């Protein structure tokens, strides 16, 4: 099982990006998922979380601008980011509990994807 993050890039302040995190391999389902980010010189922080039951949680800095969602049929998690600000610039990584027939339910990290927001 692998988690593949994509969708990062460069955008001007006020713009939007949608990050994707797809589970590949022998996958039954994705349960709890989260997006984290780490800006240069700063600690990694939790940006958004989505429980298996569908409850969401957001960092105060992104509430009302970011939305986390899951497409169970595609085993993919998304982070829709609107009204982006320069302070959103960071490497974004996904984390998820993934169920597979070979290894049961385990926690996985996807590789980071860089988001750069210019002023």
C-alpha atoms as a PDB file:
ATOM      1  CA  UNK A   1       0.000   0.000   0.000  1.00  0.00           C
ATOM      2  CA  UNK A   2       1.199   3.474  -0.861  1.00  0.00           C
ATOM      3  CA  UNK A   3      -0.240   6.940  -0.395  1.00  0.00           C
ATOM      4  CA  UNK A   4       0.477   9.279  -3.277  1.00  0.00           C
ATOM      5  CA  UNK A   5      -0.057  12.996  -2.712  1.00  0.00           C
ATOM      6  CA  UNK A   6      -0.411  15.399  -5.623  1.00  0.00           C
ATOM      7  CA  UNK A   7      -1.847  18.747  -6.601  1.00  0.00           C
ATOM      8  CA  UNK A   8       0.677  21.123  -5.111  1.00  0.00           C
ATOM      9  CA  UNK A   9       2.059  24.037  -7.056  1.00  0.00           C
ATOM     10  CA  UNK A  10       2.377  27.764  -7.251  1.00  0.00           C
ATOM     11  CA  UNK A  11      -0.576  30.067  -6.880  1.00  0.00           C
ATOM     12  CA  UNK A  12      -1.152  33.736  -6.212  1.00  0.00           C
ATOM     13  CA  UNK A  13      -2.717  34.878  -2.965  1.00  0.00           C
ATOM     14  CA  UNK A  14      -6.483  34.479  -3.103  1.00  0.00           C
ATOM     15  CA  UNK A  15      -6.252  31.524  -5.429  1.00  0.00           C
ATOM     16  CA  UNK A  16      -7.216  27.893  -4.949  1.00  0.00           C
ATOM     17  CA  UNK A  17      -5.616  24.487  -5.145  1.00  0.00           C
ATOM     18  CA  UNK A  18      -6.920  20.981  -4.559  1.00  0.00           C
ATOM     19  CA  UNK A  19      -4.588  18.400  -3.112  1.00  0.00           C
ATOM     20  CA  UNK A  20      -5.228  14.697  -3.607  1.00  0.00           C
ATOM     21  CA  UNK A  21      -3.985  11.725  -1.636  1.00  0.00           C
ATOM     22  CA  UNK A  22      -4.619   8.395  -3.323  1.00  0.00           C
ATOM     23  CA  UNK A  23      -4.082   4.973  -1.807  1.00  0.00           C
ATOM     24  CA  UNK A  24      -2.747   2.410  -4.248  1.00  0.00           C
ATOM     25  CA  UNK A  25      -2.014  -1.269  -4.031  1.00  0.00           C
ATOM     26  CA  UNK A  26      -4.242  -3.852  -2.454  1.00  0.00           C
ATOM     27  CA  UNK A  27      -6.648  -1.556  -0.599  1.00  0.00           C
ATOM     28  CA  UNK A  28      -9.987  -2.240   1.011  1.00  0.00           C
ATOM     29  CA  UNK A  29     -10.687   1.239   2.313  1.00  0.00           C
ATOM     30  CA  UNK A  30      -9.348   4.450   3.784  1.00  0.00           C
ATOM     31  CA  UNK A  31     -10.550   5.362   7.259  1.00  0.00           C
ATOM     32  CA  UNK A  32      -9.308   8.307   9.335  1.00  0.00           C
ATOM     33  CA  UNK A  33      -7.290  10.734   7.245  1.00  0.00           C
ATOM     34  CA  UNK A  34      -5.391  13.918   7.922  1.00  0.00           C
ATOM     35  CA  UNK A  35      -3.428  16.588   6.130  1.00  0.00           C
ATOM     36  CA  UNK A  36      -0.368  18.130   7.747  1.00  0.00           C
ATOM     37  CA  UNK A  37       1.925  20.882   6.599  1.00  0.00           C
ATOM     38  CA  UNK A  38       5.403  22.039   7.416  1.00  0.00           C
ATOM     39  CA  UNK A  39       6.668  25.470   6.484  1.00  0.00           C
ATOM     40  CA  UNK A  40      10.390  26.250   6.317  1.00  0.00           C
ATOM     41  CA  UNK A  41      11.828  26.621   9.791  1.00  0.00           C
ATOM     42  CA  UNK A  42       8.576  25.616  11.476  1.00  0.00           C
ATOM     43  CA  UNK A  43       7.212  22.485  13.068  1.00  0.00           C
ATOM     44  CA  UNK A  44       4.763  20.276  11.266  1.00  0.00           C
ATOM     45  CA  UNK A  45       1.169  21.146  12.078  1.00  0.00           C
ATOM     46  CA  UNK A  46      -2.164  19.453  11.611  1.00  0.00           C
ATOM     47  CA  UNK A  47      -4.223  21.254   8.982  1.00  0.00           C
ATOM     48  CA  UNK A  48      -7.348  19.117   8.672  1.00  0.00           C
ATOM     49  CA  UNK A  49      -8.641  15.747   9.801  1.00  0.00           C
ATOM     50  CA  UNK A  50     -11.507  13.537   8.731  1.00  0.00           C
ATOM     51  CA  UNK A  51     -12.634  10.623  10.881  1.00  0.00           C
ATOM     52  CA  UNK A  52     -13.998   7.374   9.529  1.00  0.00           C
ATOM     53  CA  UNK A  53     -17.415   8.555  10.651  1.00  0.00           C
ATOM     54  CA  UNK A  54     -17.175  11.738   8.642  1.00  0.00           C
ATOM     55  CA  UNK A  55     -16.397  14.237  11.395  1.00  0.00           C
ATOM     56  CA  UNK A  56     -13.963  16.975  10.457  1.00  0.00           C
ATOM     57  CA  UNK A  57     -11.512  19.111  12.363  1.00  0.00           C
ATOM     58  CA  UNK A  58      -9.514  22.085  11.090  1.00  0.00           C
ATOM     59  CA  UNK A  59      -6.708  24.249  12.311  1.00  0.00           C
ATOM     60  CA  UNK A  60      -8.029  27.682  13.254  1.00  0.00           C
ATOM     61  CA  UNK A  61      -5.830  29.261  10.594  1.00  0.00           C
ATOM     62  CA  UNK A  62      -7.620  27.426   7.771  1.00  0.00           C
ATOM     63  CA  UNK A  63     -11.210  27.234   9.025  1.00  0.00           C
ATOM     64  CA  UNK A  64     -13.638  28.478   6.420  1.00  0.00           C
ATOM     65  CA  UNK A  65     -11.030  28.267   3.670  1.00  0.00           C
ATOM     66  CA  UNK A  66      -9.993  24.596   3.516  1.00  0.00           C
ATOM     67  CA  UNK A  67     -12.208  21.539   3.148  1.00  0.00           C
ATOM     68  CA  UNK A  68     -11.158  17.930   3.629  1.00  0.00           C
ATOM     69  CA  UNK A  69     -13.160  15.214   1.917  1.00  0.00           C
ATOM     70  CA  UNK A  70     -12.943  11.564   0.938  1.00  0.00           C
ATOM     71  CA  UNK A  71     -14.003   9.600  -2.133  1.00  0.00           C
ATOM     72  CA  UNK A  72     -14.264   6.054  -0.824  1.00  0.00           C
ATOM     73  CA  UNK A  73     -14.843   4.579  -4.278  1.00  0.00           C
ATOM     74  CA  UNK A  74     -11.513   5.989  -5.432  1.00  0.00           C
ATOM     75  CA  UNK A  75      -9.687   5.493  -2.103  1.00  0.00           C
ATOM     76  CA  UNK A  76      -8.695   9.122  -2.362  1.00  0.00           C
ATOM     77  CA  UNK A  77      -8.716  12.012   0.082  1.00  0.00           C
ATOM     78  CA  UNK A  78      -8.821  15.637  -0.973  1.00  0.00           C
ATOM     79  CA  UNK A  79      -7.939  18.975   0.538  1.00  0.00           C
ATOM     80  CA  UNK A  80      -9.649  21.866  -1.213  1.00  0.00           C
ATOM     81  CA  UNK A  81      -7.795  25.051  -0.388  1.00  0.00           C
ATOM     82  CA  UNK A  82      -9.445  28.376  -1.194  1.00  0.00           C
ATOM     83  CA  UNK A  83      -8.491  31.983  -0.477  1.00  0.00           C
ATOM     84  CA  UNK A  84      -4.882  30.946  -0.130  1.00  0.00           C
ATOM     85  CA  UNK A  85      -2.498  33.200   1.745  1.00  0.00           C
ATOM     86  CA  UNK A  86       1.297  33.442   1.593  1.00  0.00           C
ATOM     87  CA  UNK A  87       1.422  31.940   5.095  1.00  0.00           C
ATOM     88  CA  UNK A  88      -0.130  28.754   3.677  1.00  0.00           C
ATOM     89  CA  UNK A  89       3.131  28.103   1.851  1.00  0.00           C
ATOM     90  CA  UNK A  90       4.423  24.734   3.056  1.00  0.00           C
ATOM     91  CA  UNK A  91       4.985  21.116   2.192  1.00  0.00           C
ATOM     92  CA  UNK A  92       1.675  19.323   2.660  1.00  0.00           C
ATOM     93  CA  UNK A  93       1.559  15.629   3.578  1.00  0.00           C
ATOM     94  CA  UNK A  94      -1.317  13.228   3.972  1.00  0.00           C
ATOM     95  CA  UNK A  95      -1.731  10.571   6.621  1.00  0.00           C
ATOM     96  CA  UNK A  96      -4.329   7.825   6.631  1.00  0.00           C
ATOM     97  CA  UNK A  97      -5.413   4.566   8.193  1.00  0.00           C
ATOM     98  CA  UNK A  98      -5.669   2.157   5.288  1.00  0.00           C
ATOM     99  CA  UNK A  99      -7.176  -1.305   5.351  1.00  0.00           C
ATOM    100  CA  UNK A 100      -5.749  -3.960   3.049  1.00  0.00           C
ATOM    101  CA  UNK A 101      -6.171  -7.718   2.787  1.00  0.00           C
ATOM    102  CA  UNK A 102      -2.447  -8.271   3.192  1.00  0.00           C
ATOM    103  CA  UNK A 103      -1.596  -6.123   6.195  1.00  0.00           C
ATOM    104  CA  UNK A 104      -4.885  -5.294   7.896  1.00  0.00           C
ATOM    105  CA  UNK A 105      -5.350  -1.686   9.025  1.00  0.00           C
ATOM    106  CA  UNK A 106      -2.172   0.328   9.227  1.00  0.00           C
ATOM    107  CA  UNK A 107      -1.208   3.984   9.279  1.00  0.00           C
ATOM    108  CA  UNK A 108       0.557   5.388   6.251  1.00  0.00           C
ATOM    109  CA  UNK A 109       2.143   8.673   5.245  1.00  0.00           C
ATOM    110  CA  UNK A 110       2.163  10.025   1.738  1.00  0.00           C
ATOM    111  CA  UNK A 111       5.099  11.969   0.386  1.00  0.00           C
ATOM    112  CA  UNK A 112       4.849  15.733   0.645  1.00  0.00           C
ATOM    113  CA  UNK A 113       3.629  18.068  -2.040  1.00  0.00           C
ATOM    114  CA  UNK A 114       4.816  21.674  -2.091  1.00  0.00           C
ATOM    115  CA  UNK A 115       2.349  24.535  -2.068  1.00  0.00           C
ATOM    116  CA  UNK A 116       3.725  27.994  -2.743  1.00  0.00           C
ATOM    117  CA  UNK A 117       1.497  31.048  -2.395  1.00  0.00           C
ATOM    118  CA  UNK A 118       2.864  34.331  -3.647  1.00  0.00           C
ATOM    119  CA  UNK A 119       1.685  37.746  -2.475  1.00  0.00           C
END
